[in-house]
C-alpha atoms as a PDB file:
ATOM      1  CA  UNK A   1     -11.950 -18.513  18.426  1.00  0.00           C
ATOM      2  CA  UNK A   2     -11.289 -17.221  14.911  1.00  0.00           C
ATOM      3  CA  UNK A   3      -9.402 -19.014  12.148  1.00  0.00           C
ATOM      4  CA  UNK A   4      -7.477 -16.833   9.693  1.00  0.00           C
ATOM      5  CA  UNK A   5      -6.279 -18.281   6.379  1.00  0.00           C
ATOM      6  CA  UNK A   6      -4.231 -16.426   3.763  1.00  0.00           C
ATOM      7  CA  UNK A   7      -5.914 -17.022   0.399  1.00  0.00           C
ATOM      8  CA  UNK A   8      -3.779 -14.694  -1.734  1.00  0.00           C
ATOM      9  CA  UNK A   9      -1.548 -11.626  -1.618  1.00  0.00           C
ATOM     10  CA  UNK A  10      -3.179  -9.283   0.894  1.00  0.00           C
ATOM     11  CA  UNK A  11      -6.342 -11.421   1.091  1.00  0.00           C
ATOM     12  CA  UNK A  12      -7.400 -13.394   4.172  1.00  0.00           C
ATOM     13  CA  UNK A  13     -10.405 -15.585   4.995  1.00  0.00           C
ATOM     14  CA  UNK A  14     -11.605 -15.225   8.585  1.00  0.00           C
ATOM     15  CA  UNK A  15     -13.919 -17.856  10.076  1.00  0.00           C
ATOM     16  CA  UNK A  16     -15.616 -17.031  13.376  1.00  0.00           C
ATOM     17  CA  UNK A  17     -18.817 -18.427  14.945  1.00  0.00           C
ATOM     18  CA  UNK A  18     -19.748 -20.138  11.681  1.00  0.00           C
ATOM     19  CA  UNK A  19     -19.363 -16.934   9.632  1.00  0.00           C
ATOM     20  CA  UNK A  20     -16.924 -16.620   6.756  1.00  0.00           C
ATOM     21  CA  UNK A  21     -15.546 -13.157   5.919  1.00  0.00           C
ATOM     22  CA  UNK A  22     -12.878 -11.883   3.527  1.00  0.00           C
ATOM     23  CA  UNK A  23     -10.441  -9.250   4.798  1.00  0.00           C
ATOM     24  CA  UNK A  24      -8.058  -7.360   2.500  1.00  0.00           C
ATOM     25  CA  UNK A  25      -4.821  -5.967   3.934  1.00  0.00           C
ATOM     26  CA  UNK A  26      -2.562  -3.445   2.177  1.00  0.00           C
ATOM     27  CA  UNK A  27       0.275  -1.025   2.763  1.00  0.00           C
ATOM     28  CA  UNK A  28       3.761  -1.120   4.230  1.00  0.00           C
ATOM     29  CA  UNK A  29       4.403  -2.547   7.694  1.00  0.00           C
ATOM     30  CA  UNK A  30       4.509   0.908   9.257  1.00  0.00           C
ATOM     31  CA  UNK A  31       1.127   1.983   7.829  1.00  0.00           C
ATOM     32  CA  UNK A  32      -1.189  -0.986   7.337  1.00  0.00           C
ATOM     33  CA  UNK A  33      -4.738  -0.732   5.995  1.00  0.00           C
ATOM     34  CA  UNK A  34      -7.430  -3.404   6.329  1.00  0.00           C
ATOM     35  CA  UNK A  35     -10.697  -3.501   4.374  1.00  0.00           C
ATOM     36  CA  UNK A  36     -13.588  -5.559   5.756  1.00  0.00           C
ATOM     37  CA  UNK A  37     -17.328  -5.479   5.165  1.00  0.00           C
ATOM     38  CA  UNK A  38     -17.246  -2.036   3.501  1.00  0.00           C
ATOM     39  CA  UNK A  39     -15.154  -0.514   6.294  1.00  0.00           C
ATOM     40  CA  UNK A  40     -11.525   0.547   6.270  1.00  0.00           C
ATOM     41  CA  UNK A  41      -9.143   0.369   9.205  1.00  0.00           C
ATOM     42  CA  UNK A  42      -5.670   1.908   9.515  1.00  0.00           C
ATOM     43  CA  UNK A  43      -2.829   1.006  11.857  1.00  0.00           C
ATOM     44  CA  UNK A  44       0.118   3.399  11.872  1.00  0.00           C
ATOM     45  CA  UNK A  45       3.423   2.427  13.421  1.00  0.00           C
ATOM     46  CA  UNK A  46       4.640   4.076  16.616  1.00  0.00           C
ATOM     47  CA  UNK A  47       7.042   7.030  16.199  1.00  0.00           C
ATOM     48  CA  UNK A  48      10.106   4.799  16.766  1.00  0.00           C
ATOM     49  CA  UNK A  49       9.175   2.687  13.717  1.00  0.00           C
ATOM     50  CA  UNK A  50       8.614   5.839  11.640  1.00  0.00           C
ATOM     51  CA  UNK A  51      12.099   7.060  12.547  1.00  0.00           C
ATOM     52  CA  UNK A  52      13.591   3.682  11.609  1.00  0.00           C
ATOM     53  CA  UNK A  53      11.876   3.893   8.199  1.00  0.00           C
ATOM     54  CA  UNK A  54      13.277   7.401   7.663  1.00  0.00           C
ATOM     55  CA  UNK A  55      16.800   6.193   8.521  1.00  0.00           C
ATOM     56  CA  UNK A  56      16.657   3.470   5.852  1.00  0.00           C
ATOM     57  CA  UNK A  57      19.830   3.266   3.735  1.00  0.00           C
ATOM     58  CA  UNK A  58      19.882   4.842   0.293  1.00  0.00           C
ATOM     59  CA  UNK A  59      19.469   2.824  -2.905  1.00  0.00           C
ATOM     60  CA  UNK A  60      16.757   1.809  -5.322  1.00  0.00           C
ATOM     61  CA  UNK A  61      13.362   0.992  -3.782  1.00  0.00           C
ATOM     62  CA  UNK A  62       9.984   0.360  -5.378  1.00  0.00           C
ATOM     63  CA  UNK A  63       6.363   1.014  -4.480  1.00  0.00           C
ATOM     64  CA  UNK A  64       4.054  -1.707  -5.690  1.00  0.00           C
ATOM     65  CA  UNK A  65       0.331  -2.273  -5.730  1.00  0.00           C
ATOM     66  CA  UNK A  66      -0.840  -4.034  -2.555  1.00  0.00           C
ATOM     67  CA  UNK A  67      -3.785  -5.644  -4.374  1.00  0.00           C
ATOM     68  CA  UNK A  68      -5.483  -5.735  -7.778  1.00  0.00           C
ATOM     69  CA  UNK A  69      -6.656  -2.149  -8.280  1.00  0.00           C
ATOM     70  CA  UNK A  70      -7.220   0.785 -10.618  1.00  0.00           C
ATOM     71  CA  UNK A  71      -4.827   3.739 -10.565  1.00  0.00           C
ATOM     72  CA  UNK A  72      -6.956   6.826  -9.908  1.00  0.00           C
ATOM     73  CA  UNK A  73      -4.249   9.427  -9.278  1.00  0.00           C
ATOM     74  CA  UNK A  74      -0.506   9.597  -9.945  1.00  0.00           C
ATOM     75  CA  UNK A  75       1.172  12.349  -7.956  1.00  0.00           C
ATOM     76  CA  UNK A  76       4.798  11.284  -8.448  1.00  0.00           C
ATOM     77  CA  UNK A  77       6.844  12.611 -11.353  1.00  0.00           C
ATOM     78  CA  UNK A  78      10.348  11.452 -12.340  1.00  0.00           C
ATOM     79  CA  UNK A  79      12.933  13.595 -10.551  1.00  0.00           C
ATOM     80  CA  UNK A  80      10.459  14.777  -7.908  1.00  0.00           C
ATOM     81  CA  UNK A  81      11.737  14.925  -4.309  1.00  0.00           C
ATOM     82  CA  UNK A  82       9.454  13.492  -1.619  1.00  0.00           C
ATOM     83  CA  UNK A  83       9.384  13.036   2.149  1.00  0.00           C
ATOM     84  CA  UNK A  84       8.518   9.997   4.250  1.00  0.00           C
ATOM     85  CA  UNK A  85       4.732   9.656   4.329  1.00  0.00           C
ATOM     86  CA  UNK A  86       4.041  11.685   1.156  1.00  0.00           C
ATOM     87  CA  UNK A  87       1.338  10.099  -0.998  1.00  0.00           C
ATOM     88  CA  UNK A  88       2.810   9.226  -4.396  1.00  0.00           C
ATOM     89  CA  UNK A  89      -0.074   7.346  -6.009  1.00  0.00           C
ATOM     90  CA  UNK A  90      -3.708   6.578  -5.153  1.00  0.00           C
ATOM     91  CA  UNK A  91      -5.365   3.299  -6.128  1.00  0.00           C
ATOM     92  CA  UNK A  92      -8.970   2.177  -5.913  1.00  0.00           C
ATOM     93  CA  UNK A  93     -10.012  -1.342  -5.002  1.00  0.00           C
ATOM     94  CA  UNK A  94     -13.432  -2.541  -3.896  1.00  0.00           C
ATOM     95  CA  UNK A  95     -14.793   1.029  -4.162  1.00  0.00           C
ATOM     96  CA  UNK A  96     -12.238   2.234  -1.595  1.00  0.00           C
ATOM     97  CA  UNK A  97      -9.392   4.666  -2.251  1.00  0.00           C
ATOM     98  CA  UNK A  98      -5.978   3.699  -0.898  1.00  0.00           C
ATOM     99  CA  UNK A  99      -3.155   6.253  -0.851  1.00  0.00           C
ATOM    100  CA  UNK A 100       0.261   4.658  -1.342  1.00  0.00           C
ATOM    101  CA  UNK A 101       2.851   6.665   0.559  1.00  0.00           C
ATOM    102  CA  UNK A 102       6.632   6.857   0.554  1.00  0.00           C
ATOM    103  CA  UNK A 103       8.321   4.798   3.254  1.00  0.00           C
ATOM    104  CA  UNK A 104      11.345   7.138   3.365  1.00  0.00           C
ATOM    105  CA  UNK A 105      12.641  10.439   1.971  1.00  0.00           C
ATOM    106  CA  UNK A 106      14.032  10.371  -1.561  1.00  0.00           C
ATOM    107  CA  UNK A 107      13.630  11.128  -5.252  1.00  0.00           C
ATOM    108  CA  UNK A 108      11.303   9.496  -7.795  1.00  0.00           C
ATOM    109  CA  UNK A 109      13.431   7.633 -10.340  1.00  0.00           C
ATOM    110  CA  UNK A 110      10.641   6.313 -12.600  1.00  0.00           C
ATOM    111  CA  UNK A 111       6.845   6.053 -12.757  1.00  0.00           C
ATOM    112  CA  UNK A 112       5.440   2.856 -14.276  1.00  0.00           C
ATOM    113  CA  UNK A 113       1.709   3.592 -14.107  1.00  0.00           C
ATOM    114  CA  UNK A 114      -0.877   6.041 -15.439  1.00  0.00           C
ATOM    115  CA  UNK A 115      -4.328   7.096 -14.245  1.00  0.00           C
ATOM    116  CA  UNK A 116      -6.892   4.517 -15.332  1.00  0.00           C
ATOM    117  CA  UNK A 117      -4.401   1.606 -15.462  1.00  0.00           C
ATOM    118  CA  UNK A 118      -5.560  -1.717 -14.030  1.00  0.00           C
ATOM    119  CA  UNK A 119      -2.730  -3.179 -11.923  1.00  0.00           C
ATOM    120  CA  UNK A 120      -2.138  -6.491 -10.193  1.00  0.00           C
ATOM    121  CA  UNK A 121      -0.954  -7.157  -6.636  1.00  0.00           C
ATOM    122  CA  UNK A 122       2.809  -6.749  -6.419  1.00  0.00           C
ATOM    123  CA  UNK A 123       3.101  -4.838  -9.690  1.00  0.00           C
ATOM    124  CA  UNK A 124       5.776  -2.122  -9.491  1.00  0.00           C
ATOM    125  CA  UNK A 125       4.204   1.328  -9.735  1.00  0.00           C
ATOM    126  CA  UNK A 126       7.101   3.661  -8.876  1.00  0.00           C
ATOM    127  CA  UNK A 127      10.888   3.354  -8.528  1.00  0.00           C
ATOM    128  CA  UNK A 128      12.471   5.470  -5.778  1.00  0.00           C
ATOM    129  CA  UNK A 129      16.025   6.489  -4.903  1.00  0.00           C
END
């Protein structure tokens, strides 16, 4: 049996058969990424969940960094239209690139990051309408 303990935002300690491992989890609920032992794993939501995300009501939303990382590419520009699933920014953490995608269709209201920035978990990167 494994024991999983949350040790920080997006960081979990897994104990199994006397071994201790750290697992990092990032991304929105409908597109979750896990990083463990130099490997990356991705779990996309079923089509029904994708449709529910697309039907989300309008208003101000934000994309934030899922973990401490470096911004390696900013694709979003203020005023730019985007579709659900479009990558808006790419971060790098633990030598792994993580695309951060839009959870719904909309327009970029503001960009709060630049390539090369060091960001913390939960830091707002982009405001969306």
